[in-house]
Protein backbone atom coordinates (compact mmCIF):
# COMPACT_ATOMS: atom_id res chain seq x y z
CA MET A 1 -10.94 -1.71 18.58
CA ARG A 2 -7.99 -2.94 16.41
CA GLU A 3 -9.94 -6.31 17.40
CA ILE A 4 -12.76 -5.28 16.35
CA LEU A 5 -11.64 -4.24 12.57
CA CYS A 6 -9.60 -7.02 12.40
CA SER A 7 -12.42 -9.16 12.32
CA ILE A 8 -14.29 -6.75 9.93
CA GLY A 9 -13.38 -8.30 6.44
CA ILE A 10 -14.58 -6.41 3.08
CA SER A 11 -12.62 -7.64 -0.70
CA ILE A 12 -12.14 -5.62 -3.67
CA PHE A 13 -10.35 -6.12 -6.68
CA MET A 14 -9.48 -3.61 -9.21
CA SER A 15 -7.45 -3.69 -12.60
CA VAL A 16 -5.44 -0.62 -13.86
CA ASN A 17 -3.16 -0.36 -16.50
CA PRO A 18 0.28 -0.59 -15.95
CA GLY A 19 -0.57 -2.32 -12.79
CA SER A 20 -3.34 -3.40 -10.64
CA TYR A 21 -4.68 -3.12 -6.91
CA SER A 22 -7.27 -4.47 -4.64
CA SER A 23 -8.02 -3.24 -0.64
CA SER A 24 -8.67 -5.77 1.58
CA ASP A 25 -6.43 -8.57 0.27
CA LYS A 26 -6.48 -11.70 2.62
CA ASN A 27 -2.98 -13.32 2.52
CA PRO A 28 -0.51 -10.09 1.86
CA PRO A 29 3.43 -10.60 2.80
CA SER A 30 4.85 -10.29 6.67
CA GLY A 31 7.37 -8.34 7.20
CA SER A 32 7.78 -4.49 6.71
CA GLY A 33 9.58 -3.95 3.20
CA ASP A 34 10.43 -7.62 3.13
CA GLN A 35 9.81 -9.61 0.17
CA SER A 36 7.71 -12.45 0.29
CA ASN A 37 5.53 -14.86 -2.57
CA ASN A 38 3.52 -12.31 -2.99
CA GLY A 39 5.75 -9.21 -3.14
CA TYR A 40 6.66 -6.14 -0.49
CA ILE A 41 4.77 -4.56 2.63
CA VAL A 42 5.06 -1.01 3.57
CA LYS A 43 3.52 0.06 7.40
CA ILE A 44 1.91 2.78 7.82
CA ASP A 45 2.28 3.99 11.13
CA ASN A 46 2.13 7.38 13.81
CA PHE A 47 1.55 8.61 10.05
CA SER A 48 4.71 7.81 8.22
CA PHE A 49 5.30 4.93 5.50
CA SER A 50 7.77 2.58 6.44
CA PRO A 51 9.56 1.81 4.03
CA ALA A 52 10.12 5.33 2.75
CA THR A 53 11.94 4.10 -0.28
CA LEU A 54 11.48 0.52 -1.93
CA ASN A 55 13.14 -0.75 -4.61
CA ILE A 56 11.85 -3.83 -6.07
CA PRO A 57 11.78 -5.24 -9.60
CA ALA A 58 8.95 -4.49 -11.79
CA GLY A 59 6.09 -7.10 -11.90
CA THR A 60 5.88 -7.30 -7.81
CA ARG A 61 3.61 -6.14 -5.65
CA VAL A 62 2.90 -4.26 -3.05
CA THR A 63 0.83 -4.17 0.20
CA TRP A 64 0.16 -1.52 2.25
CA LEU A 65 -1.10 -2.10 5.57
CA ASN A 66 -2.70 0.86 7.98
CA GLN A 67 -1.25 -0.15 11.51
CA ASP A 68 -2.37 3.02 12.74
CA ASP A 69 -5.08 4.79 14.79
CA VAL A 70 -6.58 6.94 12.05
CA PRO A 71 -7.20 5.99 7.92
CA HIS A 72 -5.17 7.30 5.49
CA THR A 73 -4.46 6.27 1.56
CA VAL A 74 -2.46 5.67 -0.86
CA VAL A 75 -2.06 8.50 -3.42
CA SER A 76 0.18 8.49 -6.30
CA MET A 77 1.40 12.03 -7.62
CA ASP A 78 0.24 10.58 -10.98
CA LYS A 79 -2.84 9.75 -9.62
CA ARG A 80 -2.29 6.62 -11.11
CA ILE A 81 -2.14 4.35 -7.75
CA VAL A 82 -5.51 5.90 -5.23
CA SER A 83 -6.86 3.94 -2.55
CA PRO A 84 -9.66 4.62 -0.75
CA PRO A 85 -9.26 5.50 2.75
CA LEU A 86 -7.79 2.49 4.85
CA ASP A 87 -9.19 2.38 7.99
CA THR A 88 -6.60 0.62 10.87
CA ASP A 89 -5.60 -2.92 9.37
CA ASP A 90 -7.27 -2.28 6.30
CA ARG A 91 -4.83 -3.22 3.70
CA PHE A 92 -4.17 -2.15 -0.47
CA SER A 93 -2.10 -3.87 -3.26
CA TYR A 94 -1.07 -2.99 -6.35
CA GLU A 95 1.55 -4.63 -8.56
CA PHE A 96 4.30 -2.46 -10.12
CA SER A 97 4.49 -3.37 -14.16
CA ALA A 98 6.72 -0.71 -15.60
CA PRO A 99 10.09 0.68 -14.08
CA GLY A 100 10.02 4.15 -13.16
CA THR A 101 9.64 6.45 -9.41
CA TYR A 102 6.88 6.09 -8.68
CA SER A 103 6.46 8.61 -5.71
CA TYR A 104 3.66 8.52 -3.20
CA TYR A 105 0.81 10.23 -0.39
CA CYS A 106 -1.61 10.44 1.85
CA SER A 107 -4.34 12.79 0.86
CA ILE A 108 -5.84 12.64 4.04
CA HIS A 109 -2.27 13.96 5.42
CA PRO A 110 -0.20 15.29 3.26
CA HIS A 111 2.92 15.79 4.84
CA MET A 112 3.22 11.49 4.14
CA THR A 113 5.40 11.53 1.24
CA ALA A 114 7.38 7.55 0.55
CA LYS A 115 8.46 6.27 -2.76
CA VAL A 116 8.91 3.26 -4.75
CA ILE A 117 11.57 2.90 -7.05
CA VAL A 118 10.60 0.00 -9.43
CA LYS A 119 14.14 -1.71 -11.93
């Protein structure tokens, strides 16, 4: 099933302040919480975000990758960041331009929480 979903590609790009986000990035960074030229990646798997806390500099893009078998979302507590439902292998990105602590959760499974700390 993951192979079928992986072959389906949908790209959406939207801009919001203080950052921007997009769904289904073509070339997301690789590695859980690892820095790459494109930013950082947070994996969604087994009903959790990994890493649960991510420390990044301002101006960094974070990409969430759903590796779970069920849909999930990424929604900040202040609702500035709101992803569409992410199916298996879907991606969602947001560029954090302002310092602060951004707590977020999955609106489908509210017990799933994590945060991004921007310095």
